[in-house]
Amino acid sequence: MLLHLSTWPEIEAQLKRSSAIVVPIGSNEQHGPTGLLGTDWLCPEIIAHEAQKGADLLVAPTFNIG
């Protein structure tokens, strides 16, 4: 379940089922002329979104630093 796409009642129900919350974290930095600036936060975000499909997880918005 994605936190930012959920209502408070949905979140409350989710937390009664499972207290697992994932907060993807990564930096925002340069990776050369052909690398994406968001590489270091996109990877954890994609992994967290895929993990929540097969598990009872609440995924918070990605916290990107930099």
PDB file of N, CA and C in Angstrom:
ATOM      1  N   MET A   1       0.849  -1.165   0.000  1.00  0.00           N
ATOM      2  CA  MET A   1       0.000   0.000   0.000  1.00  0.00           C
ATOM      3  C   MET A   1       0.901   1.236   0.000  1.00  0.00           C
ATOM      4  N   LEU A   2       0.601   2.154  -0.863  1.00  0.00           N
ATOM      5  CA  LEU A   2       1.396   3.376  -0.967  1.00  0.00           C
ATOM      6  C   LEU A   2       0.762   4.468  -0.103  1.00  0.00           C
ATOM      7  N   LEU A   3       1.522   4.970   0.847  1.00  0.00           N
ATOM      8  CA  LEU A   3       1.028   5.949   1.806  1.00  0.00           C
ATOM      9  C   LEU A   3       0.442   7.177   1.124  1.00  0.00           C
ATOM     10  N   HIS A   4       1.136   7.716   0.147  1.00  0.00           N
ATOM     11  CA  HIS A   4       0.703   8.962  -0.477  1.00  0.00           C
ATOM     12  C   HIS A   4      -0.533   8.813  -1.366  1.00  0.00           C
ATOM     13  N   LEU A   5      -0.931   7.587  -1.649  1.00  0.00           N
ATOM     14  CA  LEU A   5      -2.126   7.349  -2.458  1.00  0.00           C
ATOM     15  C   LEU A   5      -3.263   6.744  -1.625  1.00  0.00           C
ATOM     16  N   SER A   6      -3.163   6.883  -0.302  1.00  0.00           N
ATOM     17  CA  SER A   6      -4.136   6.258   0.596  1.00  0.00           C
ATOM     18  C   SER A   6      -4.838   7.286   1.468  1.00  0.00           C
ATOM     19  N   THR A   7      -6.035   6.935   1.894  1.00  0.00           N
ATOM     20  CA  THR A   7      -6.785   7.783   2.823  1.00  0.00           C
ATOM     21  C   THR A   7      -6.453   7.371   4.257  1.00  0.00           C
ATOM     22  N   TRP A   8      -6.791   8.224   5.220  1.00  0.00           N
ATOM     23  CA  TRP A   8      -6.533   7.892   6.621  1.00  0.00           C
ATOM     24  C   TRP A   8      -7.229   6.611   7.055  1.00  0.00           C
ATOM     25  N   PRO A   9      -8.502   6.388   6.687  1.00  0.00           N
ATOM     26  CA  PRO A   9      -9.132   5.120   7.072  1.00  0.00           C
ATOM     27  C   PRO A   9      -8.421   3.892   6.473  1.00  0.00           C
ATOM     28  N   GLU A  10      -7.947   4.012   5.233  1.00  0.00           N
ATOM     29  CA  GLU A  10      -7.207   2.901   4.613  1.00  0.00           C
ATOM     30  C   GLU A  10      -5.896   2.644   5.354  1.00  0.00           C
ATOM     31  N   ILE A  11      -5.201   3.713   5.719  1.00  0.00           N
ATOM     32  CA  ILE A  11      -3.936   3.579   6.445  1.00  0.00           C
ATOM     33  C   ILE A  11      -4.174   2.959   7.816  1.00  0.00           C
ATOM     34  N   GLU A  12      -5.214   3.409   8.503  1.00  0.00           N
ATOM     35  CA  GLU A  12      -5.536   2.860   9.818  1.00  0.00           C
ATOM     36  C   GLU A  12      -5.819   1.357   9.728  1.00  0.00           C
ATOM     37  N   ALA A  13      -6.587   0.948   8.732  1.00  0.00           N
ATOM     38  CA  ALA A  13      -6.881  -0.471   8.540  1.00  0.00           C
ATOM     39  C   ALA A  13      -5.613  -1.258   8.220  1.00  0.00           C
ATOM     40  N   GLN A  14      -4.749  -0.683   7.403  1.00  0.00           N
ATOM     41  CA  GLN A  14      -3.490  -1.341   7.052  1.00  0.00           C
ATOM     42  C   GLN A  14      -2.623  -1.544   8.280  1.00  0.00           C
ATOM     43  N   LEU A  15      -2.517  -0.530   9.130  1.00  0.00           N
ATOM     44  CA  LEU A  15      -1.673  -0.624  10.324  1.00  0.00           C
ATOM     45  C   LEU A  15      -2.229  -1.608  11.351  1.00  0.00           C
ATOM     46  N   LYS A  16      -3.504  -1.909  11.285  1.00  0.00           N
ATOM     47  CA  LYS A  16      -4.075  -2.945  12.155  1.00  0.00           C
ATOM     48  C   LYS A  16      -3.655  -4.330  11.665  1.00  0.00           C
ATOM     49  N   ARG A  17      -3.461  -4.478  10.350  1.00  0.00           N
ATOM     50  CA  ARG A  17      -3.028  -5.750   9.765  1.00  0.00           C
ATOM     51  C   ARG A  17      -1.524  -5.951   9.909  1.00  0.00           C
ATOM     52  N   SER A  18      -0.778  -4.885   9.690  1.00  0.00           N
ATOM     53  CA  SER A  18       0.682  -4.985   9.688  1.00  0.00           C
ATOM     54  C   SER A  18       1.299  -3.637  10.065  1.00  0.00           C
ATOM     55  N   SER A  19       2.323  -3.675  10.898  1.00  0.00           N
ATOM     56  CA  SER A  19       2.992  -2.428  11.287  1.00  0.00           C
ATOM     57  C   SER A  19       4.249  -2.168  10.450  1.00  0.00           C
ATOM     58  N   ALA A  20       4.462  -2.963   9.408  1.00  0.00           N
ATOM     59  CA  ALA A  20       5.648  -2.808   8.560  1.00  0.00           C
ATOM     60  C   ALA A  20       5.505  -1.577   7.663  1.00  0.00           C
ATOM     61  N   ILE A  21       6.472  -0.669   7.794  1.00  0.00           N
ATOM     62  CA  ILE A  21       6.495   0.540   6.975  1.00  0.00           C
ATOM     63  C   ILE A  21       7.884   0.656   6.349  1.00  0.00           C
ATOM     64  N   VAL A  22       7.932   0.885   5.047  1.00  0.00           N
ATOM     65  CA  VAL A  22       9.200   1.048   4.337  1.00  0.00           C
ATOM     66  C   VAL A  22       9.306   2.498   3.894  1.00  0.00           C
ATOM     67  N   VAL A  23      10.449   3.116   4.197  1.00  0.00           N
ATOM     68  CA  VAL A  23      10.717   4.480   3.757  1.00  0.00           C
ATOM     69  C   VAL A  23      11.934   4.416   2.821  1.00  0.00           C
ATOM     70  N   PRO A  24      11.725   4.455   1.512  1.00  0.00           N
ATOM     71  CA  PRO A  24      12.863   4.437   0.591  1.00  0.00           C
ATOM     72  C   PRO A  24      13.683   5.731   0.746  1.00  0.00           C
ATOM     73  N   ILE A  25      15.001   5.578   0.802  1.00  0.00           N
ATOM     74  CA  ILE A  25      15.897   6.716   0.991  1.00  0.00           C
ATOM     75  C   ILE A  25      17.036   6.634  -0.020  1.00  0.00           C
ATOM     76  N   GLY A  26      17.393   7.765  -0.607  1.00  0.00           N
ATOM     77  CA  GLY A  26      18.526   7.803  -1.517  1.00  0.00           C
ATOM     78  C   GLY A  26      18.934   9.234  -1.813  1.00  0.00           C
ATOM     79  N   SER A  27      20.128   9.368  -2.357  1.00  0.00           N
ATOM     80  CA  SER A  27      20.642  10.711  -2.650  1.00  0.00           C
ATOM     81  C   SER A  27      20.265  11.149  -4.064  1.00  0.00           C
ATOM     82  N   ASN A  28      20.346  12.423  -4.271  1.00  0.00           N
ATOM     83  CA  ASN A  28      20.115  13.020  -5.581  1.00  0.00           C
ATOM     84  C   ASN A  28      21.434  13.659  -5.993  1.00  0.00           C
ATOM     85  N   GLU A  29      22.148  13.022  -6.907  1.00  0.00           N
ATOM     86  CA  GLU A  29      23.476  13.514  -7.275  1.00  0.00           C
ATOM     87  C   GLU A  29      23.785  13.189  -8.727  1.00  0.00           C
ATOM     88  N   GLN A  30      24.806  13.808  -9.229  1.00  0.00           N
ATOM     89  CA  GLN A  30      25.175  13.602 -10.627  1.00  0.00           C
ATOM     90  C   GLN A  30      25.892  12.262 -10.820  1.00  0.00           C
ATOM     91  N   HIS A  31      25.681  11.678 -11.994  1.00  0.00           N
ATOM     92  CA  HIS A  31      26.315  10.412 -12.351  1.00  0.00           C
ATOM     93  C   HIS A  31      26.886  10.511 -13.760  1.00  0.00           C
ATOM     94  N   GLY A  32      27.572  11.585 -14.018  1.00  0.00           N
ATOM     95  CA  GLY A  32      28.156  11.772 -15.337  1.00  0.00           C
ATOM     96  C   GLY A  32      27.149  12.308 -16.342  1.00  0.00           C
ATOM     97  N   PRO A  33      27.574  12.543 -17.563  1.00  0.00           N
ATOM     98  CA  PRO A  33      26.700  13.169 -18.554  1.00  0.00           C
ATOM     99  C   PRO A  33      25.541  12.288 -19.020  1.00  0.00           C
ATOM    100  N   THR A  34      25.634  10.983 -18.826  1.00  0.00           N
ATOM    101  CA  THR A  34      24.563  10.106 -19.301  1.00  0.00           C
ATOM    102  C   THR A  34      23.780   9.435 -18.172  1.00  0.00           C
ATOM    103  N   GLY A  35      24.203   9.668 -16.927  1.00  0.00           N
ATOM    104  CA  GLY A  35      23.533   9.033 -15.791  1.00  0.00           C
ATOM    105  C   GLY A  35      22.395   9.884 -15.255  1.00  0.00           C
ATOM    106  N   LEU A  36      21.369   9.227 -14.744  1.00  0.00           N
ATOM    107  CA  LEU A  36      20.223   9.930 -14.185  1.00  0.00           C
ATOM    108  C   LEU A  36      20.564  10.529 -12.822  1.00  0.00           C
ATOM    109  N   LEU A  37      20.108  11.737 -12.566  1.00  0.00           N
ATOM    110  CA  LEU A  37      20.336  12.375 -11.268  1.00  0.00           C
ATOM    111  C   LEU A  37      19.650  11.605 -10.142  1.00  0.00           C
ATOM    112  N   GLY A  38      18.561  10.954 -10.440  1.00  0.00           N
ATOM    113  CA  GLY A  38      17.800  10.264  -9.412  1.00  0.00           C
ATOM    114  C   GLY A  38      18.129   8.795  -9.234  1.00  0.00           C
ATOM    115  N   THR A  39      19.225   8.327  -9.843  1.00  0.00           N
ATOM    116  CA  THR A  39      19.570   6.906  -9.773  1.00  0.00           C
ATOM    117  C   THR A  39      19.550   6.368  -8.347  1.00  0.00           C
ATOM    118  N   ASP A  40      20.143   7.088  -7.410  1.00  0.00           N
ATOM    119  CA  ASP A  40      20.303   6.579  -6.047  1.00  0.00           C
ATOM    120  C   ASP A  40      19.021   6.592  -5.230  1.00  0.00           C
ATOM    121  N   TRP A  41      18.007   7.323  -5.651  1.00  0.00           N
ATOM    122  CA  TRP A  41      16.724   7.234  -4.952  1.00  0.00           C
ATOM    123  C   TRP A  41      15.680   6.486  -5.761  1.00  0.00           C
ATOM    124  N   LEU A  42      15.851   6.428  -7.080  1.00  0.00           N
ATOM    125  CA  LEU A  42      14.918   5.663  -7.907  1.00  0.00           C
ATOM    126  C   LEU A  42      15.002   4.165  -7.624  1.00  0.00           C
ATOM    127  N   CYS A  43      16.210   3.670  -7.432  1.00  0.00           N
ATOM    128  CA  CYS A  43      16.383   2.236  -7.179  1.00  0.00           C
ATOM    129  C   CYS A  43      15.660   1.793  -5.901  1.00  0.00           C
ATOM    130  N   PRO A  44      15.873   2.451  -4.740  1.00  0.00           N
ATOM    131  CA  PRO A  44      15.128   2.044  -3.537  1.00  0.00           C
ATOM    132  C   PRO A  44      13.612   2.217  -3.700  1.00  0.00           C
ATOM    133  N   GLU A  45      13.195   3.249  -4.413  1.00  0.00           N
ATOM    134  CA  GLU A  45      11.761   3.465  -4.617  1.00  0.00           C
ATOM    135  C   GLU A  45      11.146   2.322  -5.428  1.00  0.00           C
ATOM    136  N   ILE A  46      11.801   1.931  -6.495  1.00  0.00           N
ATOM    137  CA  ILE A  46      11.295   0.848  -7.338  1.00  0.00           C
ATOM    138  C   ILE A  46      11.266  -0.467  -6.566  1.00  0.00           C
ATOM    139  N   ILE A  47      12.314  -0.743  -5.809  1.00  0.00           N
ATOM    140  CA  ILE A  47      12.371  -1.967  -5.008  1.00  0.00           C
ATOM    141  C   ILE A  47      11.250  -1.986  -3.976  1.00  0.00           C
ATOM    142  N   ALA A  48      11.021  -0.876  -3.288  1.00  0.00           N
ATOM    143  CA  ALA A  48       9.966  -0.798  -2.278  1.00  0.00           C
ATOM    144  C   ALA A  48       8.591  -0.986  -2.897  1.00  0.00           C
ATOM    145  N   HIS A  49       8.355  -0.375  -4.055  1.00  0.00           N
ATOM    146  CA  HIS A  49       7.056  -0.499  -4.721  1.00  0.00           C
ATOM    147  C   HIS A  49       6.816  -1.938  -5.181  1.00  0.00           C
ATOM    148  N   GLU A  50       7.856  -2.599  -5.647  1.00  0.00           N
ATOM    149  CA  GLU A  50       7.714  -3.997  -6.060  1.00  0.00           C
ATOM    150  C   GLU A  50       7.514  -4.899  -4.840  1.00  0.00           C
ATOM    151  N   ALA A  51       8.215  -4.624  -3.755  1.00  0.00           N
ATOM    152  CA  ALA A  51       8.092  -5.444  -2.541  1.00  0.00           C
ATOM    153  C   ALA A  51       6.693  -5.374  -1.960  1.00  0.00           C
ATOM    154  N   GLN A  52       6.053  -4.218  -2.025  1.00  0.00           N
ATOM    155  CA  GLN A  52       4.725  -4.070  -1.444  1.00  0.00           C
ATOM    156  C   GLN A  52       3.669  -4.840  -2.223  1.00  0.00           C
ATOM    157  N   LYS A  53       3.949  -5.201  -3.448  1.00  0.00           N
ATOM    158  CA  LYS A  53       2.991  -5.973  -4.240  1.00  0.00           C
ATOM    159  C   LYS A  53       2.839  -7.399  -3.701  1.00  0.00           C
ATOM    160  N   GLY A  54       3.924  -7.944  -3.147  1.00  0.00           N
ATOM    161  CA  GLY A  54       3.887  -9.321  -2.657  1.00  0.00           C
ATOM    162  C   GLY A  54       3.862  -9.431  -1.150  1.00  0.00           C
ATOM    163  N   ALA A  55       3.828  -8.309  -0.450  1.00  0.00           N
ATOM    164  CA  ALA A  55       3.851  -8.339   1.017  1.00  0.00           C
ATOM    165  C   ALA A  55       2.864  -7.313   1.557  1.00  0.00           C
ATOM    166  N   ASP A  56       2.568  -7.443   2.827  1.00  0.00           N
ATOM    167  CA  ASP A  56       1.630  -6.526   3.475  1.00  0.00           C
ATOM    168  C   ASP A  56       2.419  -5.356   4.062  1.00  0.00           C
ATOM    169  N   LEU A  57       2.866  -4.453   3.192  1.00  0.00           N
ATOM    170  CA  LEU A  57       3.717  -3.328   3.585  1.00  0.00           C
ATOM    171  C   LEU A  57       3.032  -1.998   3.299  1.00  0.00           C
ATOM    172  N   LEU A  58       3.372  -1.025   4.107  1.00  0.00           N
ATOM    173  CA  LEU A  58       2.999   0.356   3.842  1.00  0.00           C
ATOM    174  C   LEU A  58       4.266   1.048   3.369  1.00  0.00           C
ATOM    175  N   VAL A  59       4.239   1.632   2.184  1.00  0.00           N
ATOM    176  CA  VAL A  59       5.422   2.284   1.618  1.00  0.00           C
ATOM    177  C   VAL A  59       5.213   3.791   1.643  1.00  0.00           C
ATOM    178  N   ALA A  60       6.106   4.472   2.359  1.00  0.00           N
ATOM    179  CA  ALA A  60       6.057   5.933   2.459  1.00  0.00           C
ATOM    180  C   ALA A  60       6.663   6.549   1.201  1.00  0.00           C
ATOM    181  N   PRO A  61       6.410   7.844   0.980  1.00  0.00           N
ATOM    182  CA  PRO A  61       7.062   8.518  -0.143  1.00  0.00           C
ATOM    183  C   PRO A  61       8.583   8.478   0.011  1.00  0.00           C
ATOM    184  N   THR A  62       9.263   8.442  -1.096  1.00  0.00           N
ATOM    185  CA  THR A  62      10.728   8.378  -1.096  1.00  0.00           C
ATOM    186  C   THR A  62      11.328   9.660  -0.523  1.00  0.00           C
ATOM    187  N   PHE A  63      12.298   9.478   0.347  1.00  0.00           N
ATOM    188  CA  PHE A  63      13.016  10.604   0.949  1.00  0.00           C
ATOM    189  C   PHE A  63      14.327  10.728   0.193  1.00  0.00           C
ATOM    190  N   ASN A  64      14.406  11.722  -0.704  1.00  0.00           N
ATOM    191  CA  ASN A  64      15.650  11.903  -1.453  1.00  0.00           C
ATOM    192  C   ASN A  64      16.431  13.097  -0.901  1.00  0.00           C
ATOM    193  N   ILE A  65      17.722  12.888  -0.777  1.00  0.00           N
ATOM    194  CA  ILE A  65      18.608  13.860  -0.150  1.00  0.00           C
ATOM    195  C   ILE A  65      19.590  14.385  -1.182  1.00  0.00           C
ATOM    196  N   GLY A  66      19.860  15.653  -1.143  1.00  0.00           N
ATOM    197  CA  GLY A  66      20.910  16.186  -1.997  1.00  0.00           C
ATOM    198  C   GLY A  66      20.440  17.200  -2.984  1.00  0.00           C
TER     199      GLY A  66
END
